[in-house]
Amino acid sequence: MNNLQDTECKLTLAIKKFVYAIAYIDGVVDNSVELSDVTANLSLSNLDYWERFIDSVYVQALREYTPSRFIFWRKAYNNITLLDLVNRDGYKREKALLSLPSQIPNSFFVSVIIRRLNDWVPQVRLAARERLPEIIRNTDPSHTVNALFALIPNWGSWARLEVADKNIFLNIMRDEKISEVLRYKLMSSSTGPMPLLFSQCGRALILEGYVEKIAESAKQPAVRAKAYRSLFEKRVSWVERREWKWEDKSSCIGKYVPIISATDISVKKSTLDLLELSAHDKSSIVRRVSAEFLIKNIDVIGECAVHFAEKFASDNSISVSERGMFALKQLGHKKIPL
């Protein structure tokens, strides 16, 4: 039995035990400890699958453990649980959002609730919008941060999000406790979609005063590179949305193009200081960003441009050295051994 099958078996058993318990309880029912423990270990990278799986098992378990179909439908209608957040019935999803306690037990269910902002039923989206601020305030911030990590890579493509829904999402990130953890994750995480998280944190306006520290100290090179690029440009940019652009309507050829938005940031260090720091970064990804900035601004950097161009030209990384040699050609100099 592989890990997926083992998880499915544990989840199925937990749901069946849970349903057996609620068969004799009226009103709103909170999650069981076992169900909470199992869902806490579900992968947040495959939420679509787990939502469908839980809904299927939940419906089957309700039918299996109900001695009378009439009693089943009456009790199922009256009893609203966390599992109804993924119910195929939009009315049940809405009722779950409006009825359940504001303290959510784990990251999985926080993720599910945030995903309801993109629900296909307008009333469910409205319920999620109304309840989320209260839920986030009363839930362990670590659960919310884990949920954000899973959702941030894709939330920009949620087609049903309205302006108010986007603001709810961004306000979640702006919460003092959550923003602190997000910035810590940016600094300390060596894997994961941290560059994308960096952009979204900038979108949420929680990076002001922290970008220089991130550029110098973040573990992931791609994050340091993105931070230095933001410092050079004095702004943090992100993909606001993607719009379809026709290349040839007669042949039905086209593609989605990103629409970029940005917010300005204040930078204390001078351009030369930033160049010096990024040019000596241990990662070629960062040094390449530094070399690109040198090429774009070679006319305004002045006589120091020769020093940086020579350094980049002698870099061990081909992508960096090529940019250094190009900069030297622009300056009309030959490469001088350092």
C-alpha atoms as a PDB file:
ATOM      1  CA  MET A   1       0.000   0.000   0.000  1.00  0.00           C
ATOM      2  CA  ASN A   2       1.486   3.356  -1.055  1.00  0.00           C
ATOM      3  CA  ASN A   3       1.273   6.582   0.921  1.00  0.00           C
ATOM      4  CA  LEU A   4      -1.765   7.874  -0.991  1.00  0.00           C
ATOM      5  CA  GLN A   5      -3.746   4.689  -0.420  1.00  0.00           C
ATOM      6  CA  ASP A   6      -2.775   4.642   3.248  1.00  0.00           C
ATOM      7  CA  THR A   7      -3.927   8.251   3.670  1.00  0.00           C
ATOM      8  CA  GLU A   8      -7.181   7.513   1.855  1.00  0.00           C
ATOM      9  CA  CYS A   9      -7.875   4.553   4.171  1.00  0.00           C
ATOM     10  CA  LYS A  10      -7.195   6.600   7.316  1.00  0.00           C
ATOM     11  CA  LEU A  11      -9.353   9.454   6.059  1.00  0.00           C
ATOM     12  CA  THR A  12     -12.197   7.139   5.090  1.00  0.00           C
ATOM     13  CA  LEU A  13     -12.161   5.482   8.516  1.00  0.00           C
ATOM     14  CA  ALA A  14     -12.085   8.862  10.292  1.00  0.00           C
ATOM     15  CA  ILE A  15     -15.025  10.161   8.234  1.00  0.00           C
ATOM     16  CA  LYS A  16     -17.081   7.030   8.902  1.00  0.00           C
ATOM     17  CA  LYS A  17     -16.455   7.279  12.639  1.00  0.00           C
ATOM     18  CA  PHE A  18     -17.363  10.932  12.503  1.00  0.00           C
ATOM     19  CA  VAL A  19     -20.616  10.273  10.636  1.00  0.00           C
ATOM     20  CA  TYR A  20     -21.554   7.512  13.050  1.00  0.00           C
ATOM     21  CA  ALA A  21     -21.202  10.023  15.892  1.00  0.00           C
ATOM     22  CA  ILE A  22     -23.294  12.764  14.288  1.00  0.00           C
ATOM     23  CA  ALA A  23     -26.112  10.377  13.339  1.00  0.00           C
ATOM     24  CA  TYR A  24     -27.521  10.879  16.827  1.00  0.00           C
ATOM     25  CA  ILE A  25     -26.717  14.590  17.351  1.00  0.00           C
ATOM     26  CA  ASP A  26     -28.844  17.517  16.213  1.00  0.00           C
ATOM     27  CA  GLY A  27     -27.586  20.944  15.178  1.00  0.00           C
ATOM     28  CA  VAL A  28     -24.059  22.067  14.383  1.00  0.00           C
ATOM     29  CA  VAL A  29     -21.371  19.507  15.084  1.00  0.00           C
ATOM     30  CA  ASP A  30     -17.671  20.286  15.462  1.00  0.00           C
ATOM     31  CA  ASN A  31     -14.984  18.027  14.002  1.00  0.00           C
ATOM     32  CA  SER A  32     -13.758  14.963  15.860  1.00  0.00           C
ATOM     33  CA  VAL A  33     -10.196  14.742  17.110  1.00  0.00           C
ATOM     34  CA  GLU A  34      -9.362  11.849  14.808  1.00  0.00           C
ATOM     35  CA  LEU A  35     -10.783  13.585  11.751  1.00  0.00           C
ATOM     36  CA  SER A  36      -8.833  16.719  12.628  1.00  0.00           C
ATOM     37  CA  ASP A  37      -5.615  14.743  13.013  1.00  0.00           C
ATOM     38  CA  VAL A  38      -6.012  12.972   9.673  1.00  0.00           C
ATOM     39  CA  THR A  39      -6.940  16.070   7.671  1.00  0.00           C
ATOM     40  CA  ALA A  40      -4.068  17.977   9.283  1.00  0.00           C
ATOM     41  CA  ASN A  41      -1.680  15.644   7.440  1.00  0.00           C
ATOM     42  CA  LEU A  42      -3.293  15.948   4.009  1.00  0.00           C
ATOM     43  CA  SER A  43      -1.186  17.451   1.259  1.00  0.00           C
ATOM     44  CA  LEU A  44      -2.256  21.009   0.506  1.00  0.00           C
ATOM     45  CA  SER A  45      -0.817  20.751  -2.997  1.00  0.00           C
ATOM     46  CA  ASN A  46      -3.746  18.601  -4.149  1.00  0.00           C
ATOM     47  CA  LEU A  47      -6.757  20.271  -2.565  1.00  0.00           C
ATOM     48  CA  ASP A  48      -9.073  19.623  -5.516  1.00  0.00           C
ATOM     49  CA  TYR A  49      -8.576  15.890  -5.168  1.00  0.00           C
ATOM     50  CA  TRP A  50      -9.063  15.807  -1.407  1.00  0.00           C
ATOM     51  CA  GLU A  51     -12.210  17.941  -1.563  1.00  0.00           C
ATOM     52  CA  ARG A  52     -13.792  15.551  -4.075  1.00  0.00           C
ATOM     53  CA  PHE A  53     -12.622  12.499  -2.139  1.00  0.00           C
ATOM     54  CA  ILE A  54     -14.017  13.757   1.186  1.00  0.00           C
ATOM     55  CA  ASP A  55     -17.339  14.704  -0.368  1.00  0.00           C
ATOM     56  CA  SER A  56     -17.696  11.257  -1.955  1.00  0.00           C
ATOM     57  CA  VAL A  57     -16.808   9.349   1.226  1.00  0.00           C
ATOM     58  CA  TYR A  58     -18.949  11.648   3.385  1.00  0.00           C
ATOM     59  CA  VAL A  59     -22.073  11.103   1.275  1.00  0.00           C
ATOM     60  CA  GLN A  60     -21.506   7.345   1.157  1.00  0.00           C
ATOM     61  CA  ALA A  61     -20.918   7.172   4.916  1.00  0.00           C
ATOM     62  CA  LEU A  62     -24.120   9.108   5.640  1.00  0.00           C
ATOM     63  CA  ARG A  63     -26.083   6.590   3.575  1.00  0.00           C
ATOM     64  CA  GLU A  64     -24.292   3.627   5.087  1.00  0.00           C
ATOM     65  CA  TYR A  65     -24.792   4.584   8.732  1.00  0.00           C
ATOM     66  CA  THR A  66     -28.370   5.790   8.505  1.00  0.00           C
ATOM     67  CA  PRO A  67     -30.959   3.193   9.539  1.00  0.00           C
ATOM     68  CA  SER A  68     -33.798   5.085   7.893  1.00  0.00           C
ATOM     69  CA  ARG A  69     -33.574   7.106   4.703  1.00  0.00           C
ATOM     70  CA  PHE A  70     -36.188   9.546   5.989  1.00  0.00           C
ATOM     71  CA  ILE A  71     -34.293  10.024   9.231  1.00  0.00           C
ATOM     72  CA  PHE A  72     -31.054  10.279   7.248  1.00  0.00           C
ATOM     73  CA  TRP A  73     -32.192  13.138   5.079  1.00  0.00           C
ATOM     74  CA  ARG A  74     -33.757  14.969   8.031  1.00  0.00           C
ATOM     75  CA  LYS A  75     -30.646  14.681  10.185  1.00  0.00           C
ATOM     76  CA  ALA A  76     -28.241  15.312   7.292  1.00  0.00           C
ATOM     77  CA  TYR A  77     -30.131  18.502   6.530  1.00  0.00           C
ATOM     78  CA  ASN A  78     -29.991  19.718  10.128  1.00  0.00           C
ATOM     79  CA  ASN A  79     -26.437  18.698  10.998  1.00  0.00           C
ATOM     80  CA  ILE A  80     -23.777  20.962   9.503  1.00  0.00           C
ATOM     81  CA  THR A  81     -20.105  20.063   9.939  1.00  0.00           C
ATOM     82  CA  LEU A  82     -16.726  21.112   8.654  1.00  0.00           C
ATOM     83  CA  LEU A  83     -17.051  18.408   5.998  1.00  0.00           C
ATOM     84  CA  ASP A  84     -19.948  20.329   4.489  1.00  0.00           C
ATOM     85  CA  LEU A  85     -17.437  22.938   3.350  1.00  0.00           C
ATOM     86  CA  VAL A  86     -16.774  20.578   0.424  1.00  0.00           C
ATOM     87  CA  ASN A  87     -20.363  19.409   0.008  1.00  0.00           C
ATOM     88  CA  ARG A  88     -21.545  19.247  -3.602  1.00  0.00           C
ATOM     89  CA  ASP A  89     -24.651  21.141  -2.465  1.00  0.00           C
ATOM     90  CA  GLY A  90     -23.937  24.870  -2.547  1.00  0.00           C
ATOM     91  CA  TYR A  91     -26.581  25.537   0.082  1.00  0.00           C
ATOM     92  CA  LYS A  92     -24.773  23.206   2.495  1.00  0.00           C
ATOM     93  CA  ARG A  93     -21.439  24.891   1.773  1.00  0.00           C
ATOM     94  CA  GLU A  94     -22.978  28.278   2.480  1.00  0.00           C
ATOM     95  CA  LYS A  95     -24.622  27.049   5.673  1.00  0.00           C
ATOM     96  CA  ALA A  96     -21.353  25.487   6.833  1.00  0.00           C
ATOM     97  CA  LEU A  97     -19.519  28.780   6.390  1.00  0.00           C
ATOM     98  CA  LEU A  98     -22.175  30.746   8.261  1.00  0.00           C
ATOM     99  CA  SER A  99     -22.746  28.226  11.071  1.00  0.00           C
ATOM    100  CA  LEU A 100     -19.406  26.781  12.070  1.00  0.00           C
ATOM    101  CA  PRO A 101     -17.239  28.084  14.939  1.00  0.00           C
ATOM    102  CA  SER A 102     -14.629  30.690  14.054  1.00  0.00           C
ATOM    103  CA  GLN A 103     -11.682  28.643  15.333  1.00  0.00           C
ATOM    104  CA  ILE A 104     -10.554  26.192  12.636  1.00  0.00           C
ATOM    105  CA  PRO A 105      -8.489  23.142  13.672  1.00  0.00           C
ATOM    106  CA  ASN A 106      -5.889  22.849  10.901  1.00  0.00           C
ATOM    107  CA  SER A 107      -4.416  24.202   7.696  1.00  0.00           C
ATOM    108  CA  PHE A 108      -6.480  21.952   5.443  1.00  0.00           C
ATOM    109  CA  PHE A 109      -9.803  23.404   6.491  1.00  0.00           C
ATOM    110  CA  VAL A 110      -8.419  26.963   6.470  1.00  0.00           C
ATOM    111  CA  SER A 111      -7.359  26.334   2.857  1.00  0.00           C
ATOM    112  CA  VAL A 112     -10.807  24.996   1.987  1.00  0.00           C
ATOM    113  CA  ILE A 113     -12.511  28.044   3.486  1.00  0.00           C
ATOM    114  CA  ILE A 114     -10.250  30.487   1.625  1.00  0.00           C
ATOM    115  CA  ARG A 115     -10.920  28.553  -1.592  1.00  0.00           C
ATOM    116  CA  ARG A 116     -14.624  29.236  -1.131  1.00  0.00           C
ATOM    117  CA  LEU A 117     -13.856  32.824  -2.186  1.00  0.00           C
ATOM    118  CA  ASN A 118     -13.652  31.325  -5.683  1.00  0.00           C
ATOM    119  CA  ASP A 119     -16.724  29.109  -5.312  1.00  0.00           C
ATOM    120  CA  TRP A 120     -19.030  28.891  -8.327  1.00  0.00           C
ATOM    121  CA  VAL A 121     -22.049  29.763  -6.139  1.00  0.00           C
ATOM    122  CA  PRO A 122     -22.236  33.535  -5.438  1.00  0.00           C
ATOM    123  CA  GLN A 123     -23.883  33.026  -2.043  1.00  0.00           C
ATOM    124  CA  VAL A 124     -21.020  30.779  -0.949  1.00  0.00           C
ATOM    125  CA  ARG A 125     -18.473  33.381  -2.011  1.00  0.00           C
ATOM    126  CA  LEU A 126     -20.377  36.023  -0.044  1.00  0.00           C
ATOM    127  CA  ALA A 127     -20.486  33.778   3.044  1.00  0.00           C
ATOM    128  CA  ALA A 128     -16.735  33.166   2.802  1.00  0.00           C
ATOM    129  CA  ARG A 129     -16.134  36.890   2.477  1.00  0.00           C
ATOM    130  CA  GLU A 130     -18.214  37.564   5.592  1.00  0.00           C
ATOM    131  CA  ARG A 131     -16.724  34.871   7.811  1.00  0.00           C
ATOM    132  CA  LEU A 132     -13.054  34.819   6.836  1.00  0.00           C
ATOM    133  CA  PRO A 133     -11.882  37.881   8.838  1.00  0.00           C
ATOM    134  CA  GLU A 134     -13.352  36.471  12.044  1.00  0.00           C
ATOM    135  CA  ILE A 135     -12.033  32.967  11.314  1.00  0.00           C
ATOM    136  CA  ILE A 136      -8.505  34.214  10.661  1.00  0.00           C
ATOM    137  CA  ARG A 137      -8.490  36.255  13.884  1.00  0.00           C
ATOM    138  CA  ASN A 138      -9.439  33.227  15.972  1.00  0.00           C
ATOM    139  CA  THR A 139      -7.371  30.546  14.235  1.00  0.00           C
ATOM    140  CA  ASP A 140      -3.751  29.601  14.890  1.00  0.00           C
ATOM    141  CA  PRO A 141      -1.685  31.848  12.548  1.00  0.00           C
ATOM    142  CA  SER A 142       0.517  28.900  11.564  1.00  0.00           C
ATOM    143  CA  HIS A 143      -2.527  27.179  10.038  1.00  0.00           C
ATOM    144  CA  THR A 144      -3.293  30.277   7.984  1.00  0.00           C
ATOM    145  CA  VAL A 145       0.313  30.669   6.846  1.00  0.00           C
ATOM    146  CA  ASN A 146       0.453  27.049   5.685  1.00  0.00           C
ATOM    147  CA  ALA A 147      -2.792  27.565   3.798  1.00  0.00           C
ATOM    148  CA  LEU A 148      -1.461  30.724   2.161  1.00  0.00           C
ATOM    149  CA  PHE A 149       1.661  28.880   1.050  1.00  0.00           C
ATOM    150  CA  ALA A 150      -0.527  26.334  -0.719  1.00  0.00           C
ATOM    151  CA  LEU A 151      -2.885  28.868  -2.292  1.00  0.00           C
ATOM    152  CA  ILE A 152      -0.648  31.789  -3.241  1.00  0.00           C
ATOM    153  CA  PRO A 153       0.820  30.115  -6.361  1.00  0.00           C
ATOM    154  CA  ASN A 154      -2.657  29.797  -7.914  1.00  0.00           C
ATOM    155  CA  TRP A 155      -4.983  32.340  -6.348  1.00  0.00           C
ATOM    156  CA  GLY A 156      -4.171  34.963  -8.955  1.00  0.00           C
ATOM    157  CA  SER A 157      -5.829  32.742 -11.578  1.00  0.00           C
ATOM    158  CA  TRP A 158      -9.105  32.358  -9.660  1.00  0.00           C
ATOM    159  CA  ALA A 159     -11.492  33.713 -12.264  1.00  0.00           C
ATOM    160  CA  ARG A 160     -14.450  34.344  -9.931  1.00  0.00           C
ATOM    161  CA  LEU A 161     -12.599  36.594  -7.495  1.00  0.00           C
ATOM    162  CA  GLU A 162     -14.065  40.061  -7.216  1.00  0.00           C
ATOM    163  CA  VAL A 163     -12.179  43.099  -5.926  1.00  0.00           C
ATOM    164  CA  ALA A 164     -13.645  42.595  -2.455  1.00  0.00           C
ATOM    165  CA  ASP A 165     -12.489  38.957  -2.435  1.00  0.00           C
ATOM    166  CA  LYS A 166      -8.963  39.937  -3.450  1.00  0.00           C
ATOM    167  CA  ASN A 167      -8.885  42.481  -0.666  1.00  0.00           C
ATOM    168  CA  ILE A 168      -9.980  39.820   1.823  1.00  0.00           C
ATOM    169  CA  PHE A 169      -7.115  37.602   0.679  1.00  0.00           C
ATOM    170  CA  LEU A 170      -4.600  40.432   0.912  1.00  0.00           C
ATOM    171  CA  ASN A 171      -5.922  41.552   4.299  1.00  0.00           C
ATOM    172  CA  ILE A 172      -5.298  38.042   5.594  1.00  0.00           C
ATOM    173  CA  MET A 173      -1.654  38.480   4.634  1.00  0.00           C
ATOM    174  CA  ARG A 174      -1.579  41.921   6.285  1.00  0.00           C
ATOM    175  CA  ASP A 175      -2.541  40.555   9.684  1.00  0.00           C
ATOM    176  CA  GLU A 176       0.370  41.441  11.987  1.00  0.00           C
ATOM    177  CA  LYS A 177       1.040  37.903  13.227  1.00  0.00           C
ATOM    178  CA  ILE A 178       0.647  36.349   9.777  1.00  0.00           C
ATOM    179  CA  SER A 179       2.792  38.932   7.959  1.00  0.00           C
ATOM    180  CA  GLU A 180       5.559  38.365  10.495  1.00  0.00           C
ATOM    181  CA  VAL A 181       5.541  34.632   9.835  1.00  0.00           C
ATOM    182  CA  LEU A 182       5.400  35.174   6.067  1.00  0.00           C
ATOM    183  CA  ARG A 183       8.484  37.385   6.151  1.00  0.00           C
ATOM    184  CA  TYR A 184      10.264  34.836   8.327  1.00  0.00           C
ATOM    185  CA  LYS A 185       9.393  32.104   5.812  1.00  0.00           C
ATOM    186  CA  LEU A 186      10.787  34.241   3.007  1.00  0.00           C
ATOM    187  CA  MET A 187      14.050  34.532   4.876  1.00  0.00           C
ATOM    188  CA  SER A 188      14.399  30.984   6.191  1.00  0.00           C
ATOM    189  CA  SER A 189      12.867  28.650   3.580  1.00  0.00           C
ATOM    190  CA  SER A 190      15.290  27.011   1.165  1.00  0.00           C
ATOM    191  CA  THR A 191      12.557  25.374  -0.944  1.00  0.00           C
ATOM    192  CA  GLY A 192       9.082  26.208  -2.172  1.00  0.00           C
ATOM    193  CA  PRO A 193       7.574  29.015  -4.270  1.00  0.00           C
ATOM    194  CA  MET A 194       9.279  31.754  -2.279  1.00  0.00           C
ATOM    195  CA  PRO A 195       9.870  34.158  -5.220  1.00  0.00           C
ATOM    196  CA  LEU A 196       6.145  34.098  -5.930  1.00  0.00           C
ATOM    197  CA  LEU A 197       5.433  34.583  -2.240  1.00  0.00           C
ATOM    198  CA  PHE A 198       7.793  37.581  -2.282  1.00  0.00           C
ATOM    199  CA  SER A 199       5.753  39.216  -5.048  1.00  0.00           C
ATOM    200  CA  GLN A 200       2.460  38.574  -3.287  1.00  0.00           C
ATOM    201  CA  CYS A 201       3.835  39.926  -0.013  1.00  0.00           C
ATOM    202  CA  GLY A 202       4.785  43.056  -1.922  1.00  0.00           C
ATOM    203  CA  ARG A 203       1.276  43.168  -3.322  1.00  0.00           C
ATOM    204  CA  ALA A 204      -0.050  43.021   0.232  1.00  0.00           C
ATOM    205  CA  LEU A 205       2.261  45.918   1.177  1.00  0.00           C
ATOM    206  CA  ILE A 206       4.025  44.045   3.983  1.00  0.00           C
ATOM    207  CA  LEU A 207       7.612  44.247   2.713  1.00  0.00           C
ATOM    208  CA  GLU A 208       8.343  47.927   3.262  1.00  0.00           C
ATOM    209  CA  GLY A 209      11.574  48.184   5.261  1.00  0.00           C
ATOM    210  CA  TYR A 210      12.377  44.476   4.903  1.00  0.00           C
ATOM    211  CA  VAL A 211      13.482  44.073   1.275  1.00  0.00           C
ATOM    212  CA  GLU A 212      17.146  44.944   1.908  1.00  0.00           C
ATOM    213  CA  LYS A 213      17.368  42.383   4.713  1.00  0.00           C
ATOM    214  CA  ILE A 214      15.720  39.763   2.505  1.00  0.00           C
ATOM    215  CA  ALA A 215      18.141  40.521  -0.326  1.00  0.00           C
ATOM    216  CA  GLU A 216      21.148  40.012   1.913  1.00  0.00           C
ATOM    217  CA  SER A 217      19.990  37.108   4.084  1.00  0.00           C
ATOM    218  CA  ALA A 218      17.286  34.977   2.424  1.00  0.00           C
ATOM    219  CA  LYS A 219      18.323  31.344   2.087  1.00  0.00           C
ATOM    220  CA  GLN A 220      16.834  30.806  -1.356  1.00  0.00           C
ATOM    221  CA  PRO A 221      18.955  32.438  -4.109  1.00  0.00           C
ATOM    222  CA  ALA A 222      15.920  33.153  -6.270  1.00  0.00           C
ATOM    223  CA  VAL A 223      14.409  35.184  -3.430  1.00  0.00           C
ATOM    224  CA  ARG A 224      17.604  37.190  -2.961  1.00  0.00           C
ATOM    225  CA  ALA A 225      17.699  37.798  -6.704  1.00  0.00           C
ATOM    226  CA  LYS A 226      14.099  39.001  -6.745  1.00  0.00           C
ATOM    227  CA  ALA A 227      14.726  41.213  -3.733  1.00  0.00           C
ATOM    228  CA  TYR A 228      17.800  42.805  -5.352  1.00  0.00           C
ATOM    229  CA  ARG A 229      15.870  43.351  -8.574  1.00  0.00           C
ATOM    230  CA  SER A 230      13.160  45.092  -6.562  1.00  0.00           C
ATOM    231  CA  LEU A 231      15.765  47.254  -4.828  1.00  0.00           C
ATOM    232  CA  PHE A 232      17.369  48.216  -8.131  1.00  0.00           C
ATOM    233  CA  GLU A 233      13.969  49.088  -9.619  1.00  0.00           C
ATOM    234  CA  LYS A 234      12.699  50.596  -6.332  1.00  0.00           C
ATOM    235  CA  ARG A 235       9.475  48.659  -6.682  1.00  0.00           C
ATOM    236  CA  VAL A 236       7.985  45.203  -6.112  1.00  0.00           C
ATOM    237  CA  SER A 237       6.046  43.841  -9.078  1.00  0.00           C
ATOM    238  CA  TRP A 238       3.606  40.976  -9.525  1.00  0.00           C
ATOM    239  CA  VAL A 239       1.303  39.467 -12.135  1.00  0.00           C
ATOM    240  CA  GLU A 240      -2.100  41.072 -11.586  1.00  0.00           C
ATOM    241  CA  ARG A 241      -3.882  38.834 -14.082  1.00  0.00           C
ATOM    242  CA  ARG A 242      -3.492  37.269 -17.510  1.00  0.00           C
ATOM    243  CA  GLU A 243      -5.362  38.523 -20.531  1.00  0.00           C
ATOM    244  CA  TRP A 244      -5.888  36.788 -23.847  1.00  0.00           C
ATOM    245  CA  LYS A 245      -4.132  38.449 -26.771  1.00  0.00           C
ATOM    246  CA  TRP A 246      -4.842  37.455 -30.345  1.00  0.00           C
ATOM    247  CA  GLU A 247      -1.834  37.001 -32.609  1.00  0.00           C
ATOM    248  CA  ASP A 248      -3.796  35.848 -35.643  1.00  0.00           C
ATOM    249  CA  LYS A 249      -7.597  35.790 -35.297  1.00  0.00           C
ATOM    250  CA  SER A 250      -8.114  34.169 -38.675  1.00  0.00           C
ATOM    251  CA  SER A 251      -6.047  31.177 -37.540  1.00  0.00           C
ATOM    252  CA  CYS A 252      -7.329  31.305 -33.953  1.00  0.00           C
ATOM    253  CA  ILE A 253      -3.791  31.787 -32.682  1.00  0.00           C
ATOM    254  CA  GLY A 254      -3.231  33.680 -29.482  1.00  0.00           C
ATOM    255  CA  LYS A 255      -1.862  33.479 -25.980  1.00  0.00           C
ATOM    256  CA  TYR A 256      -2.373  34.756 -22.459  1.00  0.00           C
ATOM    257  CA  VAL A 257      -0.119  37.663 -21.586  1.00  0.00           C
ATOM    258  CA  PRO A 258       0.623  38.745 -18.021  1.00  0.00           C
ATOM    259  CA  ILE A 259      -0.599  42.122 -16.802  1.00  0.00           C
ATOM    260  CA  ILE A 260       2.026  43.460 -14.400  1.00  0.00           C
ATOM    261  CA  SER A 261       1.317  45.724 -11.439  1.00  0.00           C
ATOM    262  CA  ALA A 262       3.810  47.157  -8.969  1.00  0.00           C
ATOM    263  CA  THR A 263       4.179  49.165  -5.797  1.00  0.00           C
ATOM    264  CA  ASP A 264       7.045  51.526  -4.996  1.00  0.00           C
ATOM    265  CA  ILE A 265       9.393  50.812  -2.100  1.00  0.00           C
ATOM    266  CA  SER A 266      11.899  53.006  -0.302  1.00  0.00           C
ATOM    267  CA  VAL A 267      15.558  52.019  -0.581  1.00  0.00           C
ATOM    268  CA  LYS A 268      18.163  53.265   1.881  1.00  0.00           C
ATOM    269  CA  LYS A 269      21.320  51.874   0.252  1.00  0.00           C
ATOM    270  CA  SER A 270      22.850  53.598  -2.745  1.00  0.00           C
ATOM    271  CA  THR A 271      22.907  51.984  -6.175  1.00  0.00           C
ATOM    272  CA  LEU A 272      26.657  51.373  -5.925  1.00  0.00           C
ATOM    273  CA  ASP A 273      26.274  49.693  -2.530  1.00  0.00           C
ATOM    274  CA  LEU A 274      23.566  47.424  -3.939  1.00  0.00           C
ATOM    275  CA  LEU A 275      25.753  46.581  -6.929  1.00  0.00           C
ATOM    276  CA  GLU A 276      28.681  45.790  -4.663  1.00  0.00           C
ATOM    277  CA  LEU A 277      26.625  43.508  -2.430  1.00  0.00           C
ATOM    278  CA  SER A 278      24.845  41.683  -5.259  1.00  0.00           C
ATOM    279  CA  ALA A 279      28.032  41.347  -7.316  1.00  0.00           C
ATOM    280  CA  HIS A 280      29.644  39.407  -4.436  1.00  0.00           C
ATOM    281  CA  ASP A 281      26.651  37.186  -3.699  1.00  0.00           C
ATOM    282  CA  LYS A 282      27.535  33.484  -3.626  1.00  0.00           C
ATOM    283  CA  SER A 283      24.771  32.642  -6.111  1.00  0.00           C
ATOM    284  CA  SER A 284      25.175  33.237  -9.826  1.00  0.00           C
ATOM    285  CA  ILE A 285      21.430  33.890 -10.021  1.00  0.00           C
ATOM    286  CA  VAL A 286      21.892  37.023  -7.931  1.00  0.00           C
ATOM    287  CA  ARG A 287      25.086  38.069  -9.693  1.00  0.00           C
ATOM    288  CA  ARG A 288      23.298  37.749 -13.035  1.00  0.00           C
ATOM    289  CA  VAL A 289      20.607  40.188 -11.848  1.00  0.00           C
ATOM    290  CA  SER A 290      23.370  42.552 -10.784  1.00  0.00           C
ATOM    291  CA  ALA A 291      25.064  42.288 -14.181  1.00  0.00           C
ATOM    292  CA  GLU A 292      21.773  42.915 -15.975  1.00  0.00           C
ATOM    293  CA  PHE A 293      21.213  46.057 -13.942  1.00  0.00           C
ATOM    294  CA  LEU A 294      24.730  47.236 -14.785  1.00  0.00           C
ATOM    295  CA  ILE A 295      24.065  46.823 -18.516  1.00  0.00           C
ATOM    296  CA  LYS A 296      20.741  48.669 -18.360  1.00  0.00           C
ATOM    297  CA  ASN A 297      22.197  51.571 -16.359  1.00  0.00           C
ATOM    298  CA  ILE A 298      25.786  51.620 -17.569  1.00  0.00           C
ATOM    299  CA  ASP A 299      25.593  55.239 -18.703  1.00  0.00           C
ATOM    300  CA  VAL A 300      24.509  56.571 -15.314  1.00  0.00           C
ATOM    301  CA  ILE A 301      26.735  54.452 -13.064  1.00  0.00           C
ATOM    302  CA  GLY A 302      29.852  56.309 -14.144  1.00  0.00           C
ATOM    303  CA  GLU A 303      33.483  55.265 -13.887  1.00  0.00           C
ATOM    304  CA  CYS A 304      32.668  52.483 -11.399  1.00  0.00           C
ATOM    305  CA  ALA A 305      30.965  50.645 -14.251  1.00  0.00           C
ATOM    306  CA  VAL A 306      34.364  49.479 -15.523  1.00  0.00           C
ATOM    307  CA  HIS A 307      35.165  47.838 -12.192  1.00  0.00           C
ATOM    308  CA  PHE A 308      31.893  45.950 -12.096  1.00  0.00           C
ATOM    309  CA  ALA A 309      32.012  44.999 -15.777  1.00  0.00           C
ATOM    310  CA  GLU A 310      35.469  43.497 -15.325  1.00  0.00           C
ATOM    311  CA  LYS A 311      34.391  41.592 -12.255  1.00  0.00           C
ATOM    312  CA  PHE A 312      31.375  40.119 -14.013  1.00  0.00           C
ATOM    313  CA  ALA A 313      33.405  39.292 -17.118  1.00  0.00           C
ATOM    314  CA  SER A 314      35.747  37.137 -15.021  1.00  0.00           C
ATOM    315  CA  ASP A 315      32.909  35.352 -13.206  1.00  0.00           C
ATOM    316  CA  ASN A 316      32.913  31.550 -13.092  1.00  0.00           C
ATOM    317  CA  SER A 317      29.298  31.480 -14.267  1.00  0.00           C
ATOM    318  CA  ILE A 318      28.946  31.658 -18.037  1.00  0.00           C
ATOM    319  CA  SER A 319      25.659  33.562 -17.860  1.00  0.00           C
ATOM    320  CA  VAL A 320      27.289  36.210 -15.649  1.00  0.00           C
ATOM    321  CA  SER A 321      30.572  36.436 -17.553  1.00  0.00           C
ATOM    322  CA  GLU A 322      28.747  36.859 -20.870  1.00  0.00           C
ATOM    323  CA  ARG A 323      26.920  39.857 -19.446  1.00  0.00           C
ATOM    324  CA  GLY A 324      30.163  41.254 -18.048  1.00  0.00           C
ATOM    325  CA  MET A 325      31.889  40.999 -21.422  1.00  0.00           C
ATOM    326  CA  PHE A 326      28.900  42.638 -23.090  1.00  0.00           C
ATOM    327  CA  ALA A 327      29.134  45.493 -20.583  1.00  0.00           C
ATOM    328  CA  LEU A 328      32.849  45.889 -21.381  1.00  0.00           C
ATOM    329  CA  LYS A 329      32.056  46.114 -25.081  1.00  0.00           C
ATOM    330  CA  GLN A 330      29.519  48.797 -24.317  1.00  0.00           C
ATOM    331  CA  LEU A 331      32.136  50.714 -22.393  1.00  0.00           C
ATOM    332  CA  GLY A 332      34.629  50.288 -25.197  1.00  0.00           C
ATOM    333  CA  HIS A 333      37.105  48.458 -22.956  1.00  0.00           C
ATOM    334  CA  LYS A 334      38.923  45.188 -23.297  1.00  0.00           C
ATOM    335  CA  LYS A 335      38.746  42.727 -20.449  1.00  0.00           C
ATOM    336  CA  ILE A 336      41.564  43.417 -17.962  1.00  0.00           C
ATOM    337  CA  PRO A 337      42.663  40.528 -15.705  1.00  0.00           C
ATOM    338  CA  LEU A 338      41.845  41.252 -12.045  1.00  0.00           C
END
